[in-house]
Amino acid sequence: QVQLLESGGGSVQAGGSLRLSCVASSRSIYTNGYMGWFRQAPGMEREAVAYIYTANDNVLTWLAASVQGRFTISADRPKNTIYLQMDSLKFEDSAMYFCAAAGSFLPWKKPDAREDYRGQGTQVAVSA
């Protein structure tokens, strides 16, 4: 059973934009606490990109320093969906992007902490 379903990846030239979406299959997954994104390029370690607090309507987000000012994370609570708006894309943003859900933000902060749910991923390719 697919619990997190990502979409929106693709190929774009540097400077372009993409918007990733992630739908949680159940309300309980969406309100688990936090949802967000990781990315991993071939041969590279997994990198935390962004998270958003989804347990209630309190607004709390975090973005990695490498994407601040270019990426925005948001949520649509009625749709159990989060989004990652990626603008001013760079070649180094190319990676597989994974959606994740967890009861805390630790998976985004500590390398040995793991999420409760993870999607299959959506590929982002940025050409220089």
Protein backbone atom coordinates (compact mmCIF):
# COMPACT_ATOMS: atom_id res chain seq x y z
CA GLN A 1 0.00 0.00 0.00
CA VAL A 2 1.38 3.37 -1.05
CA GLN A 3 1.41 5.62 1.99
CA LEU A 4 3.20 8.65 0.58
CA LEU A 5 2.94 9.43 -3.11
CA GLU A 6 5.20 12.01 -4.70
CA SER A 7 4.78 13.75 -8.04
CA GLY A 8 6.09 16.75 -9.90
CA GLY A 9 9.64 15.79 -10.67
CA GLY A 10 11.15 16.20 -14.11
CA SER A 11 13.86 17.81 -16.18
CA VAL A 12 14.45 21.53 -16.20
CA GLN A 13 17.18 23.95 -17.16
CA ALA A 14 19.16 25.77 -14.51
CA GLY A 15 17.23 28.76 -13.26
CA GLY A 16 13.91 27.04 -13.83
CA SER A 17 11.25 25.89 -11.39
CA LEU A 18 9.47 22.73 -10.36
CA ARG A 19 6.84 21.99 -7.74
CA LEU A 20 6.85 18.66 -5.98
CA SER A 21 3.75 17.29 -4.30
CA CYS A 22 3.37 14.56 -1.72
CA VAL A 23 0.01 13.09 -0.75
CA ALA A 24 -0.40 11.07 2.41
CA SER A 25 -2.76 8.13 1.99
CA SER A 26 -4.34 8.65 5.40
CA ARG A 27 -5.06 11.46 7.80
CA SER A 28 -3.13 9.70 10.52
CA ILE A 29 0.04 9.76 8.43
CA TYR A 30 -0.43 13.44 7.60
CA THR A 31 -1.00 14.43 11.22
CA ASN A 32 1.77 12.16 12.50
CA GLY A 33 3.77 15.29 13.25
CA TYR A 34 6.12 16.33 10.47
CA MET A 35 6.31 15.84 6.75
CA GLY A 36 9.05 16.90 4.43
CA TRP A 37 11.65 16.10 1.85
CA PHE A 38 15.01 14.45 1.52
CA ARG A 39 17.11 14.13 -1.59
CA GLN A 40 19.85 11.82 -2.67
CA ALA A 41 22.08 12.08 -5.69
CA PRO A 42 23.96 9.03 -7.03
CA GLY A 43 26.95 8.21 -4.85
CA MET A 44 26.01 10.86 -2.30
CA GLU A 45 24.64 10.75 1.22
CA ARG A 46 21.02 11.48 1.84
CA GLU A 47 20.42 15.19 2.44
CA ALA A 48 17.58 16.71 4.43
CA VAL A 49 15.91 19.43 2.38
CA ALA A 50 12.85 20.72 4.23
CA TYR A 51 10.12 19.86 6.67
CA ILE A 52 6.81 21.29 7.78
CA TYR A 53 4.83 20.67 10.94
CA THR A 54 1.53 19.04 9.97
CA ALA A 55 0.05 17.83 13.25
CA ASN A 56 -2.07 20.95 13.55
CA ASP A 57 -2.44 24.41 12.02
CA ASN A 58 0.65 25.86 13.72
CA VAL A 59 3.06 27.07 11.06
CA LEU A 60 6.53 25.66 11.50
CA THR A 61 8.90 25.03 8.64
CA TRP A 62 12.58 24.40 8.16
CA LEU A 63 14.72 24.58 5.04
CA ALA A 64 18.30 23.45 4.56
CA ALA A 65 20.77 26.28 4.13
CA SER A 66 21.54 25.09 0.61
CA VAL A 67 17.97 25.78 -0.53
CA GLN A 68 16.93 28.75 1.60
CA GLY A 69 15.72 31.63 -0.52
CA ARG A 70 15.02 29.31 -3.44
CA PHE A 71 12.72 26.58 -2.11
CA THR A 72 9.46 26.90 -0.20
CA ILE A 73 7.60 24.17 1.64
CA SER A 74 3.87 24.41 2.24
CA ALA A 75 0.91 22.24 3.14
CA ASP A 76 -2.72 21.80 2.16
CA ARG A 77 -4.29 20.27 5.23
CA PRO A 78 -7.67 19.28 3.72
CA LYS A 79 -5.81 17.41 0.96
CA ASN A 80 -3.26 15.68 3.23
CA THR A 81 -0.66 17.14 0.88
CA ILE A 82 2.60 18.99 1.14
CA TYR A 83 4.43 20.85 -1.59
CA LEU A 84 7.99 21.82 -2.31
CA GLN A 85 8.22 24.81 -4.62
CA MET A 86 11.69 24.86 -6.12
CA ASP A 87 12.79 28.04 -7.87
CA SER A 88 16.14 29.14 -9.28
CA LEU A 89 17.14 25.51 -9.62
CA LYS A 90 20.80 24.67 -9.87
CA PHE A 91 22.59 21.70 -11.37
CA GLU A 92 23.50 20.56 -7.86
CA ASP A 93 19.80 20.27 -6.98
CA SER A 94 19.59 17.24 -9.27
CA ALA A 95 18.67 14.20 -7.20
CA MET A 96 15.94 11.77 -6.29
CA TYR A 97 13.59 13.59 -3.94
CA PHE A 98 11.80 11.56 -1.29
CA CYS A 99 8.81 12.58 0.77
CA ALA A 100 8.82 11.48 4.40
CA ALA A 101 6.60 11.62 7.46
CA ALA A 102 7.68 11.29 11.07
CA GLY A 103 6.50 11.96 14.58
CA SER A 104 9.37 14.39 15.17
CA PHE A 105 11.77 16.53 13.16
CA LEU A 106 14.74 14.40 14.22
CA PRO A 107 15.08 12.55 10.88
CA TRP A 108 15.86 15.92 9.30
CA LYS A 109 18.34 16.84 11.99
CA LYS A 110 20.12 13.63 12.96
CA PRO A 111 21.60 11.25 10.35
CA ASP A 112 20.80 8.15 12.43
CA ALA A 113 17.15 9.06 13.00
CA ARG A 114 14.73 7.55 10.53
CA GLU A 115 11.32 8.59 9.35
CA ASP A 116 8.17 6.55 9.96
CA TYR A 117 7.07 6.67 6.33
CA ARG A 118 8.85 7.34 3.07
CA GLY A 119 7.66 7.62 -0.52
CA GLN A 120 9.15 6.00 -3.60
CA GLY A 121 10.74 9.22 -4.77
CA THR A 122 10.54 11.52 -7.75
CA GLN A 123 13.51 12.41 -9.93
CA VAL A 124 14.65 15.98 -10.46
CA ALA A 125 17.20 16.65 -13.17
CA VAL A 126 18.60 20.14 -13.70
CA SER A 127 20.72 20.78 -16.75
CA ALA A 128 23.43 23.38 -16.53
